[in-house]
Protein backbone atom coordinates (compact mmCIF):
# COMPACT_ATOMS: atom_id res chain seq x y z
CA MET A 1 99.09 112.75 61.57
CA ARG A 2 101.42 114.14 58.74
CA LEU A 3 105.31 113.89 58.77
CA VAL A 4 105.56 117.56 59.12
CA GLU A 5 103.13 117.61 62.03
CA LYS A 6 105.15 114.87 63.65
CA VAL A 7 108.38 116.61 63.35
CA ASN A 8 106.83 119.70 64.77
CA ALA A 9 105.19 117.96 67.67
CA LEU A 10 108.71 116.21 68.31
CA ALA A 11 110.31 119.68 68.36
CA LEU A 12 107.70 120.99 70.58
CA GLY A 13 108.39 118.00 73.00
CA ILE A 14 112.03 118.70 73.09
CA ILE A 15 111.40 122.30 73.83
CA VAL A 16 109.01 121.54 76.54
CA TRP A 17 111.45 119.14 78.06
CA ILE A 18 114.66 121.45 77.92
CA VAL A 19 112.57 124.43 79.25
CA LEU A 20 111.18 122.31 82.01
CA VAL A 21 114.48 120.94 83.17
CA LEU A 22 116.16 124.19 83.24
CA SER A 23 113.28 125.93 85.02
CA VAL A 24 113.02 122.98 87.62
CA LEU A 25 116.90 123.36 87.99
CA GLN A 26 116.41 127.21 88.69
CA PHE A 27 113.69 126.75 91.18
CA THR A 28 115.34 123.95 93.07
CA ALA A 29 119.00 125.05 93.19
CA PHE A 30 118.16 128.56 94.28
CA ASN A 31 115.71 127.63 97.20
CA VAL A 32 117.52 128.94 100.12
CA ASP A 33 115.24 126.64 102.37
CA PHE A 34 116.65 123.45 100.78
CA TYR A 35 120.19 124.72 101.80
CA ARG A 36 118.70 125.32 105.30
CA GLU A 37 117.41 121.98 105.79
CA GLN A 38 120.65 120.26 104.29
CA TYR A 39 122.75 122.43 106.68
CA ALA A 40 120.65 121.50 109.70
CA PHE A 41 120.77 117.76 108.75
CA ARG A 42 124.39 117.65 108.48
CA ASP A 43 125.36 120.23 111.19
CA THR A 44 127.23 122.15 108.52
CA ALA A 45 127.63 125.22 110.42
CA ALA A 46 129.45 123.75 113.27
CA SER A 47 131.68 121.76 111.03
CA ILE A 48 132.87 124.81 109.16
CA GLY A 49 133.02 127.08 112.43
CA VAL A 50 130.39 129.65 111.57
CA SER A 51 127.07 130.57 112.84
CA GLU A 52 123.84 129.33 111.34
CA THR A 53 122.82 132.97 110.49
CA ASP A 54 126.14 133.62 108.89
CA LEU A 55 125.97 130.31 106.96
CA ILE A 56 122.67 131.27 105.39
CA LYS A 57 124.13 134.89 104.72
CA VAL A 58 127.00 133.54 102.74
CA THR A 59 124.77 131.10 100.96
CA GLU A 60 122.31 133.79 99.85
CA VAL A 61 125.46 135.81 98.63
CA LEU A 62 126.61 132.67 96.71
CA LEU A 63 123.31 132.30 95.00
CA ASP A 64 122.68 135.85 94.43
CA TYR A 65 126.08 136.17 92.67
CA THR A 66 125.48 132.97 90.53
CA SER A 67 122.10 134.29 89.47
CA GLY A 68 123.49 137.63 88.50
CA LYS A 69 121.95 139.66 91.25
CA ARG A 70 125.15 141.00 92.62
CA PRO A 71 128.53 141.94 91.10
CA ASP A 72 130.79 139.83 93.55
CA MET A 73 130.98 137.24 96.14
CA ILE A 74 132.89 139.38 98.66
CA VAL A 75 131.37 138.73 102.24
CA ASP A 76 132.98 138.88 105.81
CA VAL A 77 131.80 136.65 108.55
CA GLU A 78 133.29 135.22 111.57
CA VAL A 79 134.86 131.75 111.06
CA ASN A 80 136.27 129.91 114.06
CA GLY A 81 136.14 133.10 116.09
CA VAL A 82 138.10 135.16 113.62
CA MET A 83 136.43 137.63 111.22
CA LYS A 84 137.63 136.99 107.58
CA GLN A 85 136.45 137.00 103.92
CA TYR A 86 134.63 133.76 103.61
CA TYR A 87 135.25 132.88 99.92
CA ASN A 88 138.86 132.44 98.86
CA GLN A 89 140.16 133.46 95.33
CA ARG A 90 139.96 129.90 93.98
CA GLU A 91 136.32 129.54 95.07
CA ILE A 92 135.47 132.95 93.54
CA ASP A 93 137.36 132.08 90.24
CA HIS A 94 135.42 128.87 89.99
CA MET A 95 132.13 130.41 90.53
CA VAL A 96 132.77 133.13 87.82
CA ASP A 97 132.72 130.04 85.42
CA VAL A 98 129.52 128.63 87.05
CA ARG A 99 127.87 131.96 86.70
CA VAL A 100 128.66 132.26 83.07
CA LEU A 101 127.42 128.99 82.37
CA TYR A 102 124.33 129.28 84.34
CA LEU A 103 123.30 132.60 82.93
CA LYS A 104 124.03 131.15 79.30
CA VAL A 105 121.82 128.14 79.97
CA LEU A 106 118.95 130.54 81.16
CA GLN A 107 119.27 132.58 77.83
CA ILE A 108 118.95 129.19 75.99
CA ARG A 109 115.85 128.42 78.19
CA ASP A 110 114.16 131.75 77.38
CA VAL A 111 114.69 131.69 73.78
CA LEU A 112 113.39 128.13 73.52
CA LEU A 113 110.43 129.18 75.57
CA MET A 114 109.75 132.00 73.24
CA PHE A 115 109.82 129.69 70.08
CA GLY A 116 107.93 127.11 72.04
CA LEU A 117 105.07 129.70 72.78
CA VAL A 118 105.15 131.09 69.27
CA ASN A 119 104.69 127.53 67.89
CA ILE A 120 101.65 126.62 70.29
CA PHE A 121 99.92 129.89 69.58
CA ALA A 122 100.34 129.11 65.94
CA LEU A 123 98.81 125.60 66.38
CA PHE A 124 95.82 127.19 68.34
CA ALA A 125 95.34 129.61 65.23
CA PHE A 126 95.58 127.40 62.45
CA ARG A 127 95.14 123.69 63.88
CA LYS A 128 93.30 124.30 67.16
CA LYS A 129 91.76 120.70 67.19
CA LYS A 130 95.26 119.16 66.85
CA VAL A 131 97.07 121.00 69.54
CA VAL A 132 96.60 118.50 72.29
CA GLU A 133 97.19 115.52 69.88
CA GLU A 134 100.54 117.09 68.79
CA LEU A 135 101.65 117.88 72.14
CA ASN A 136 100.70 114.62 73.56
CA PHE A 137 102.54 112.83 70.72
CA GLY A 138 105.68 114.96 70.98
CA LEU A 139 105.94 114.82 74.56
CA THR A 140 105.38 111.10 74.87
CA TRP A 141 108.12 110.24 72.24
CA VAL A 142 110.54 112.63 73.56
CA SER A 143 109.92 111.49 77.15
CA VAL A 144 110.86 107.91 76.00
CA GLY A 145 113.97 108.90 74.46
CA PHE A 146 115.15 111.36 77.16
CA GLY A 147 113.92 109.23 79.67
CA ALA A 148 116.19 106.51 78.52
CA ILE A 149 119.14 108.84 78.54
CA ILE A 150 118.42 110.00 82.13
CA LEU A 151 118.10 106.41 83.21
CA LEU A 152 121.58 105.53 81.72
CA LEU A 153 123.12 108.63 83.43
CA GLY A 154 121.34 107.94 86.66
CA SER A 155 122.55 104.38 86.68
CA PHE A 156 126.02 105.53 85.99
CA ALA A 157 125.91 108.17 88.89
CA ILE A 158 124.56 105.30 91.05
CA ILE A 159 127.32 102.86 90.33
CA ASN A 160 130.13 105.45 90.50
CA PHE A 161 129.08 108.95 91.36
CA ASP A 162 132.62 110.22 91.60
CA ALA A 163 133.30 109.23 88.14
CA PHE A 164 129.77 110.71 87.08
CA TRP A 165 130.60 114.07 88.81
CA THR A 166 134.20 114.07 87.28
CA ALA A 167 132.78 113.75 83.92
CA PHE A 168 130.24 116.38 84.19
CA HIS A 169 132.63 118.99 85.17
CA LYS A 170 135.08 118.11 82.56
CA VAL A 171 132.23 118.35 79.86
CA PHE A 172 131.15 121.90 81.11
CA PHE A 173 134.52 123.54 82.28
CA SER A 174 137.82 123.80 80.75
CA ASN A 175 139.87 124.15 83.85
CA ASP A 176 140.40 122.39 87.27
CA LEU A 177 139.10 125.11 89.51
CA TRP A 178 136.35 122.93 90.50
CA LEU A 179 138.55 120.52 92.48
CA LEU A 180 138.40 122.19 95.75
CA ASP A 181 140.28 121.16 99.03
CA PRO A 182 138.03 120.76 102.10
CA TYR A 183 140.66 121.77 104.30
CA THR A 184 141.28 125.20 102.66
CA ASP A 185 137.91 125.97 100.76
CA ASN A 186 134.54 126.51 102.52
CA LEU A 187 132.43 126.02 99.36
CA ILE A 188 133.06 122.36 99.30
CA ASN A 189 132.11 121.97 102.91
CA MET A 190 128.92 123.89 102.44
CA VAL A 191 127.92 121.52 99.38
CA PRO A 192 129.68 118.17 99.61
CA GLN A 193 128.85 115.29 97.44
CA GLU A 194 125.92 114.23 99.52
CA PHE A 195 124.38 117.61 99.02
CA PHE A 196 124.51 117.46 95.29
CA ILE A 197 122.97 113.93 95.44
CA ASP A 198 120.22 115.25 97.27
CA LEU A 199 119.85 118.16 94.77
CA ILE A 200 119.70 116.04 91.87
CA VAL A 201 117.12 113.76 93.40
CA MET A 202 114.97 116.85 94.05
CA ILE A 203 115.53 118.32 90.55
CA LEU A 204 114.34 114.80 89.05
CA ILE A 205 111.29 114.83 91.51
CA HIS A 206 110.15 118.29 90.60
CA PHE A 207 110.76 117.64 87.06
CA THR A 208 108.70 114.29 87.21
CA LEU A 209 105.79 116.16 89.11
CA SER A 210 105.86 118.92 86.48
CA LEU A 211 105.99 116.50 83.51
CA MET A 212 103.18 114.25 85.15
CA THR A 213 100.94 117.39 85.63
CA ILE A 214 101.30 118.40 81.83
CA PHE A 215 100.43 114.75 80.75
CA VAL A 216 97.40 114.78 83.33
CA LEU A 217 96.30 118.14 81.76
CA LEU A 218 96.63 117.01 78.19
CA LYS A 219 94.72 113.75 79.05
CA SER A 220 92.01 115.67 81.04
CA GLU A 221 91.53 118.05 78.03
CA LYS A 222 90.64 114.96 75.94
CA THR A 223 88.64 113.21 78.49
CA LYS A 224 86.92 116.34 79.89
CA GLY A 225 88.32 115.47 83.26
CA ILE A 226 90.72 113.41 85.37
CA THR A 227 90.03 109.77 84.80
CA GLN A 228 90.58 106.88 87.34
CA ASN A 229 93.85 105.97 85.50
CA SER A 230 95.33 109.49 85.81
CA LEU A 231 94.48 109.62 89.59
CA LYS A 232 96.28 106.27 90.08
CA VAL A 233 99.19 107.63 88.21
CA ILE A 234 99.36 110.75 90.51
CA ALA A 235 98.94 108.59 93.50
CA VAL A 236 101.50 105.98 92.45
CA ILE A 237 104.22 108.52 91.67
CA THR A 238 103.76 110.71 94.86
CA MET A 239 103.51 107.70 96.97
CA THR A 240 106.85 106.39 95.48
CA ILE A 241 108.37 109.52 96.08
CA ASP A 242 107.27 109.59 99.79
CA HIS A 243 108.56 106.00 100.33
CA MET A 244 111.83 106.94 98.93
CA GLY A 245 111.95 110.08 101.24
CA TYR A 246 111.08 107.73 104.12
CA PHE A 247 113.74 105.08 103.52
CA LEU A 248 116.48 106.53 101.44
CA PHE A 249 116.41 110.33 101.75
CA PRO A 250 115.25 111.19 105.38
CA GLU A 251 116.91 114.60 105.09
CA ILE A 252 114.61 115.78 102.32
CA ARG A 253 111.34 116.45 104.10
CA GLU A 254 109.72 117.75 101.03
CA MET A 255 109.54 114.18 99.61
CA ARG A 256 107.51 113.34 102.54
CA ILE A 257 105.21 116.43 102.02
CA ILE A 258 104.72 115.51 98.39
CA GLY A 259 103.63 112.05 99.44
CA ARG A 260 100.92 113.33 101.43
CA ILE A 261 98.86 113.63 98.32
CA ALA A 262 98.78 109.89 97.58
CA TYR A 263 96.95 108.59 100.53
CA PRO A 264 93.66 110.54 99.98
CA ILE A 265 93.54 109.61 96.29
CA PHE A 266 93.97 105.73 97.11
CA THR A 267 91.31 105.90 99.73
CA TYR A 268 88.86 107.70 97.39
CA LEU A 269 89.62 105.33 94.68
CA PHE A 270 89.11 102.26 97.06
CA ALA A 271 85.72 103.73 98.42
CA MET A 272 84.58 104.13 94.76
CA SER A 273 85.78 100.83 93.82
CA TYR A 274 83.91 99.12 96.71
CA ARG A 275 80.68 100.93 95.85
CA PHE A 276 80.69 99.94 92.29
CA SER A 277 82.17 96.45 92.51
CA HIS A 278 79.76 93.61 91.39
CA ASP A 279 81.57 91.07 93.62
CA LYS A 280 82.56 92.60 97.06
CA ILE A 281 83.44 89.13 98.55
CA LYS A 282 86.00 88.78 95.68
CA LEU A 283 87.49 92.19 96.47
CA LEU A 284 87.76 91.27 100.18
CA ILE A 285 89.65 87.88 99.27
CA ARG A 286 91.97 89.72 97.02
CA LEU A 287 92.78 92.39 99.64
CA VAL A 288 93.54 89.73 102.17
CA ILE A 289 95.50 87.88 99.92
CA PHE A 290 97.79 90.66 98.86
CA ALA A 291 97.71 92.33 102.46
CA VAL A 292 99.17 89.17 103.92
CA GLY A 293 101.43 88.28 101.03
CA GLY A 294 102.70 91.91 100.83
CA HIS A 295 103.31 92.14 104.65
CA LEU A 296 105.42 88.92 104.60
CA LEU A 297 107.58 90.38 101.88
CA ILE A 298 108.01 93.72 103.88
CA LEU A 299 108.88 91.63 106.84
CA TRP A 300 111.46 89.64 104.77
CA ALA A 301 112.98 93.08 103.65
CA GLY A 302 113.48 94.05 107.42
CA ASP A 303 110.68 96.32 108.41
CA SER A 304 108.78 94.67 111.20
CA GLY A 305 106.86 97.51 112.71
CA PHE A 306 104.59 98.36 109.71
CA TYR A 307 101.12 97.16 108.75
CA ASN A 308 100.58 98.03 105.22
CA ILE A 309 97.66 99.96 103.78
CA LEU A 310 95.97 96.98 102.49
CA PHE A 311 95.15 96.06 105.99
CA LEU A 312 93.36 99.52 106.41
CA PHE A 313 91.33 98.77 103.38
CA ILE A 314 90.19 95.33 104.89
CA LEU A 315 88.92 97.44 107.86
CA GLY A 316 87.44 99.85 105.48
CA TRP A 317 85.63 97.06 103.58
CA ILE A 318 84.12 95.91 106.94
CA ALA A 319 83.02 99.48 107.68
CA PHE A 320 81.49 99.86 104.11
CA TRP A 321 79.55 96.47 104.44
CA VAL A 322 78.17 97.36 107.90
CA ILE A 323 77.21 100.76 106.46
CA ASP A 324 75.28 99.05 103.66
CA GLN A 325 73.30 96.84 105.86
CA LYS A 326 71.35 100.14 106.87
CA LYS A 327 71.03 99.01 110.58
CA GLY A 328 70.79 102.61 111.85
CA LEU A 329 73.34 105.59 112.56
CA PHE A 330 74.10 104.29 116.17
CA LEU A 331 75.16 100.96 115.04
CA ASN A 332 77.35 102.46 112.23
CA LEU A 333 79.01 104.77 114.72
CA ILE A 334 79.84 102.03 117.14
CA VAL A 335 81.37 99.75 114.41
CA VAL A 336 83.34 102.64 112.79
CA SER A 337 84.60 103.61 116.25
CA ILE A 338 85.60 100.05 117.01
CA LEU A 339 87.55 99.73 113.71
CA ALA A 340 89.24 103.26 114.10
CA TYR A 341 90.31 102.01 117.60
CA LEU A 342 91.53 98.71 116.26
CA ALA A 343 93.62 100.40 113.27
CA GLN A 344 95.07 102.65 115.83
CA ALA A 345 95.85 100.14 118.47
CA ILE A 346 97.43 97.47 115.98
CA GLY A 347 99.29 100.25 114.16
CA VAL A 348 97.84 99.83 110.76
CA ASP A 349 98.95 102.56 108.44
CA TYR A 350 97.08 105.86 109.19
CA GLY A 351 95.24 104.44 112.01
CA TYR A 352 91.89 105.99 112.97
CA TYR A 353 92.47 108.74 110.35
CA GLY A 354 92.52 106.25 107.73
CA ILE A 355 89.24 104.78 108.72
CA LEU A 356 87.59 107.95 109.05
CA THR A 357 88.82 109.13 105.63
CA LEU A 358 87.55 106.09 103.93
CA VAL A 359 83.97 106.28 105.60
CA ILE A 360 83.81 110.05 104.66
CA PHE A 361 84.59 109.32 100.98
CA TYR A 362 82.15 106.28 101.04
CA VAL A 363 79.15 107.89 102.80
CA PHE A 364 79.15 111.20 100.89
CA TYR A 365 80.07 109.69 97.45
CA GLU A 366 77.37 111.58 95.99
CA ASN A 367 78.39 114.96 97.20
CA LYS A 368 82.01 115.98 96.78
CA TRP A 369 81.55 119.24 98.68
CA LYS A 370 80.59 117.34 101.83
CA GLN A 371 83.47 114.81 100.94
CA PHE A 372 85.93 117.59 100.98
CA LEU A 373 84.65 119.58 103.84
CA PHE A 374 84.67 116.76 106.28
CA PHE A 375 88.13 115.41 105.04
CA SER A 376 89.52 118.87 105.41
CA ILE A 377 88.38 119.19 108.92
CA LEU A 378 89.57 115.72 109.82
CA THR A 379 93.03 116.40 108.26
CA ILE A 380 93.37 119.62 109.95
CA PHE A 381 92.34 118.02 113.35
CA PHE A 382 94.72 115.08 112.71
CA SER A 383 97.58 117.33 111.68
CA PHE A 384 97.13 119.59 114.93
CA GLU A 385 96.47 116.69 117.21
CA TRP A 386 100.04 116.37 118.20
CA LEU A 387 100.58 119.98 119.06
CA ILE A 388 96.99 120.19 120.86
CA THR A 389 97.81 117.21 123.02
CA ASN A 390 101.13 118.50 124.18
CA LEU A 391 99.76 122.05 124.79
CA LEU A 392 97.01 120.53 126.91
CA THR A 393 99.33 118.29 128.80
CA ASN A 394 102.61 120.25 129.10
CA SER A 395 102.15 123.86 130.15
CA GLN A 396 105.95 124.62 129.15
CA TYR A 397 105.20 123.49 125.57
CA TRP A 398 103.45 127.00 124.94
CA THR A 399 107.04 128.37 125.22
CA TYR A 400 107.88 126.41 121.97
CA LEU A 401 105.26 127.95 119.86
CA PRO A 402 107.33 130.91 118.45
CA THR A 403 109.98 128.59 117.46
CA ILE A 404 107.59 126.17 115.90
CA PHE A 405 106.09 128.86 113.66
CA SER A 406 109.01 131.23 113.38
CA ARG A 407 109.62 130.19 109.71
CA GLY A 408 106.33 130.23 108.58
CA ILE A 409 105.04 127.28 106.34
CA TYR A 410 108.33 125.62 106.01
CA SER A 411 108.83 125.21 109.75
CA PHE A 412 105.15 124.28 109.87
CA THR A 413 105.62 121.42 107.54
CA SER A 414 108.31 119.95 110.09
CA TYR A 415 105.50 119.05 112.58
CA PHE A 416 102.27 118.72 110.53
CA PRO A 417 103.03 117.37 107.11
CA GLN A 418 99.59 115.63 106.86
CA ILE A 419 97.99 119.03 106.40
CA PHE A 420 99.30 118.68 102.72
CA ALA A 421 96.97 116.04 102.02
CA ILE A 422 94.10 118.43 101.38
CA LEU A 423 95.92 119.36 98.20
CA ALA A 424 94.84 115.84 96.74
CA LEU A 425 91.30 117.24 96.76
CA ILE A 426 92.51 119.20 93.53
CA PRO A 427 92.84 116.36 91.31
CA ILE A 428 89.92 114.29 92.86
CA GLY A 429 87.74 117.39 92.23
CA PHE A 430 88.24 116.99 88.54
CA TYR A 431 87.79 113.18 88.49
CA VAL A 432 85.22 111.99 86.04
CA TYR A 433 84.00 108.46 85.91
CA LYS A 434 84.60 106.62 82.63
CA ALA A 435 83.19 103.14 82.41
CA PRO A 436 85.61 100.71 81.03
CA LYS A 437 85.05 99.36 77.63
CA SER A 438 85.88 95.84 78.57
CA LYS A 439 86.37 94.27 82.12
CA THR A 440 88.02 91.22 80.51
CA SER A 441 90.58 93.31 78.55
CA TRP A 442 94.30 92.90 79.25
CA THR A 443 94.44 96.63 79.88
CA TYR A 444 91.73 96.40 82.49
CA ILE A 445 93.05 93.62 84.21
CA THR A 446 96.51 94.93 84.40
CA ASN A 447 95.28 98.42 85.82
CA GLN A 448 93.17 96.58 88.34
CA TYR A 449 95.97 94.59 89.68
CA PHE A 450 98.91 96.86 89.21
CA PHE A 451 98.70 98.52 92.55
CA TYR A 452 98.20 95.27 94.54
CA PHE A 453 101.63 94.14 93.10
CA TYR A 454 103.42 97.42 93.02
CA TYR A 455 102.57 98.66 96.55
CA PRO A 456 104.41 95.67 98.56
CA ILE A 457 107.16 95.21 96.16
CA HIS A 458 108.34 98.66 95.70
CA PHE A 459 107.96 99.14 99.40
CA ALA A 460 109.96 95.99 100.28
CA ILE A 461 112.72 96.94 97.77
CA LEU A 462 113.22 100.38 99.52
CA ALA A 463 112.88 98.84 102.92
CA TYR A 464 115.77 96.30 101.99
CA LEU A 465 117.90 98.98 100.55
CA HIS A 466 117.56 100.93 103.94
CA PHE A 467 118.09 97.97 106.20
CA HIS A 468 120.77 96.38 104.10
CA PRO A 469 122.81 99.18 102.76
């Protein structure tokens, strides 16, 4: 690649990063449902003295004003039994500055987006074969540089968020209007420090997922499909987000929803790994060693009521081995049923659902349509099992249905997040098998053992942070 091409690639990478960051910021910061969940978790309405309906109303006014959809922030609601103007003058003056900054940032985003699109179209017109190569080169190096900067800023924020937050406002604002008083200003009570921490976390997560998608698409264009390594990257990232949500950010349910994508990918890859393994006994020994070792590490971290997914894969290995003996459908059904019951009884991660998922991916490995159909049916049943059981055993539960579904899909996810596991079928559908060039290479061995080490270690670290704050 010539110097001019490298410079252009880096410029494109910078443009993609900036456009992506600002677009994610717009999407996340103006999502009313995010505010709704934050308010519910912190009981914000009661602490301020307004109704939940009025709190959402003043939030929508705030967001509409900031985004330029309305000319002012004047809104009257009942606060502690008194009808009054919700936002005071200091809050309004501060939001004038925020609005100006935000709209200018969007203008910069739109200009950069235009230049980026023109650049990409030019590449397609004059160097079509090098578009993917240049984009990948630019994004990779820019991601390394910007990623390091974000890591440093993130470390600063973790060590001293107050200092980070103060420095942020001093950089972007020329006055002290942002210094609000919780005794007189409702705005700071609506969005306290903890809210902004969660908001920053979600912006980083949305950005990471967006950047990951771009890299996977670029890689799949070159390999004519999604490779095993790309699937692993998707699964590891979404799994980590899921576990961070479980241990550190329980108030952000979207993190658990994103994590639903990981499990089907891991089970699919394990089923394929077993089928094409040349030494299945060695695979079992590896599973047992890392399952037990990982469990001891997790116990040390403080989580005693959890059997990690490697134990599920051990039970799956047994199911696969029995199926391969070709002793008949009846015996297979009995063994799978026993294993499913055992997984459920001892509390192995995902229980019977996990065993059946493994069996579906293994038995129908030559037919993705059957894999997808039966997995979707199983997932829908598993997601609704809790509701069906309650409806059948408690007649009064029928009166709760309007509340459960009153807010559509967002309320729906509160009760049945596993339904989103079906989304994992999209990357799995584009999976193409690529035989490794060498099974003795350092790269192959690293890829083979990475998950075995990463899974218990990252889980134990997060569990330790949760149980030992």
